[in-house]
Amino acid sequence: MHPHSLSPRISELGSPGKLAQDVALRQLGLQAPAPVIAQALGIHGKTTTKIVSDAGGPNSSYAPDHDSP
């Protein structure tokens, strides 16, 4: 399924998709550096760095890779 078609279905079930994604990324950020997460999930490095930093992850000062998507 494509994220655009999956998101409304998740919302119909009562789960806020974006919130769940942010919570999952914050938890993952406590375990891995932001650039590793960005590359593995295909998310922009600046996005993951901000989320990990906001979560207080131990790797929050780890500089993002400029080649990240």
C-alpha atoms as a PDB file:
ATOM      1  CA  MET A   1       0.000   0.000   0.000  1.00  0.00           C
ATOM      2  CA  HIS A   2       1.027   3.563  -0.599  1.00  0.00           C
ATOM      3  CA  PRO A   3       1.266   5.897   2.427  1.00  0.00           C
ATOM      4  CA  HIS A   4      -1.369   8.202   0.915  1.00  0.00           C
ATOM      5  CA  SER A   5      -3.913   5.389   0.763  1.00  0.00           C
ATOM      6  CA  LEU A   6      -2.886   3.855   4.082  1.00  0.00           C
ATOM      7  CA  SER A   7      -3.090   7.070   6.124  1.00  0.00           C
ATOM      8  CA  PRO A   8      -6.879   7.568   5.797  1.00  0.00           C
ATOM      9  CA  ARG A   9      -7.482   3.929   6.681  1.00  0.00           C
ATOM     10  CA  ILE A  10      -5.363   4.242   9.829  1.00  0.00           C
ATOM     11  CA  SER A  11      -7.252   7.408  10.776  1.00  0.00           C
ATOM     12  CA  GLU A  12     -10.571   5.578  10.338  1.00  0.00           C
ATOM     13  CA  LEU A  13      -9.382   3.107  12.970  1.00  0.00           C
ATOM     14  CA  GLY A  14      -8.803   5.998  15.363  1.00  0.00           C
ATOM     15  CA  SER A  15      -5.004   6.105  15.225  1.00  0.00           C
ATOM     16  CA  PRO A  16      -3.374   9.436  14.385  1.00  0.00           C
ATOM     17  CA  GLY A  17      -0.808   8.312  11.786  1.00  0.00           C
ATOM     18  CA  LYS A  18       1.555  11.295  11.926  1.00  0.00           C
ATOM     19  CA  LEU A  19       1.645  11.253  15.706  1.00  0.00           C
ATOM     20  CA  ALA A  20       2.390   7.533  15.719  1.00  0.00           C
ATOM     21  CA  GLN A  21       5.191   8.065  13.201  1.00  0.00           C
ATOM     22  CA  ASP A  22       6.761  10.836  15.289  1.00  0.00           C
ATOM     23  CA  VAL A  23       6.576   8.738  18.461  1.00  0.00           C
ATOM     24  CA  ALA A  24       8.177   5.778  16.679  1.00  0.00           C
ATOM     25  CA  LEU A  25      10.969   7.989  15.295  1.00  0.00           C
ATOM     26  CA  ARG A  26      11.619   9.470  18.742  1.00  0.00           C
ATOM     27  CA  GLN A  27      11.924   5.990  20.237  1.00  0.00           C
ATOM     28  CA  LEU A  28      14.196   4.867  17.413  1.00  0.00           C
ATOM     29  CA  GLY A  29      16.265   8.029  17.929  1.00  0.00           C
ATOM     30  CA  LEU A  30      17.128   6.835  21.417  1.00  0.00           C
ATOM     31  CA  GLN A  31      18.763   3.777  19.859  1.00  0.00           C
ATOM     32  CA  ALA A  32      20.453   4.968  16.649  1.00  0.00           C
ATOM     33  CA  PRO A  33      22.020   8.125  15.185  1.00  0.00           C
ATOM     34  CA  ALA A  34      19.689  10.358  13.172  1.00  0.00           C
ATOM     35  CA  PRO A  35      21.577   9.916   9.855  1.00  0.00           C
ATOM     36  CA  VAL A  36      21.329   6.136  10.153  1.00  0.00           C
ATOM     37  CA  ILE A  37      17.580   6.407  10.714  1.00  0.00           C
ATOM     38  CA  ALA A  38      17.223   8.848   7.827  1.00  0.00           C
ATOM     39  CA  GLN A  39      19.050   6.611   5.385  1.00  0.00           C
ATOM     40  CA  ALA A  40      17.271   3.449   6.502  1.00  0.00           C
ATOM     41  CA  LEU A  41      13.798   4.984   6.261  1.00  0.00           C
ATOM     42  CA  GLY A  42      14.380   7.380   3.361  1.00  0.00           C
ATOM     43  CA  ILE A  43      13.603  10.443   5.463  1.00  0.00           C
ATOM     44  CA  HIS A  44      15.537  13.715   5.174  1.00  0.00           C
ATOM     45  CA  GLY A  45      18.464  13.921   7.604  1.00  0.00           C
ATOM     46  CA  LYS A  46      17.392  17.315   8.978  1.00  0.00           C
ATOM     47  CA  THR A  47      13.977  15.915   9.858  1.00  0.00           C
ATOM     48  CA  THR A  48      15.352  12.973  11.799  1.00  0.00           C
ATOM     49  CA  THR A  49      18.007  15.121  13.485  1.00  0.00           C
ATOM     50  CA  LYS A  50      15.304  17.509  14.758  1.00  0.00           C
ATOM     51  CA  ILE A  51      13.074  14.687  15.988  1.00  0.00           C
ATOM     52  CA  VAL A  52      15.965  12.919  17.751  1.00  0.00           C
ATOM     53  CA  SER A  53      17.155  16.200  19.250  1.00  0.00           C
ATOM     54  CA  ASP A  54      13.657  17.062  20.493  1.00  0.00           C
ATOM     55  CA  ALA A  55      13.445  13.608  22.070  1.00  0.00           C
ATOM     56  CA  GLY A  56      16.759  14.149  23.856  1.00  0.00           C
ATOM     57  CA  GLY A  57      18.407  11.202  22.152  1.00  0.00           C
ATOM     58  CA  PRO A  58      22.039  10.469  23.009  1.00  0.00           C
ATOM     59  CA  ASN A  59      23.005  10.976  19.358  1.00  0.00           C
ATOM     60  CA  SER A  60      21.149  14.282  18.959  1.00  0.00           C
ATOM     61  CA  SER A  61      24.369  16.205  18.280  1.00  0.00           C
ATOM     62  CA  TYR A  62      25.461  13.754  15.591  1.00  0.00           C
ATOM     63  CA  ALA A  63      25.658  15.753  12.347  1.00  0.00           C
ATOM     64  CA  PRO A  64      23.344  14.599   9.540  1.00  0.00           C
ATOM     65  CA  ASP A  65      24.844  13.273   6.350  1.00  0.00           C
ATOM     66  CA  HIS A  66      24.471  15.797   3.521  1.00  0.00           C
ATOM     67  CA  ASP A  67      23.728  12.999   1.076  1.00  0.00           C
ATOM     68  CA  SER A  68      20.660  11.853   3.039  1.00  0.00           C
ATOM     69  CA  PRO A  69      17.353  11.986   1.149  1.00  0.00           C
END
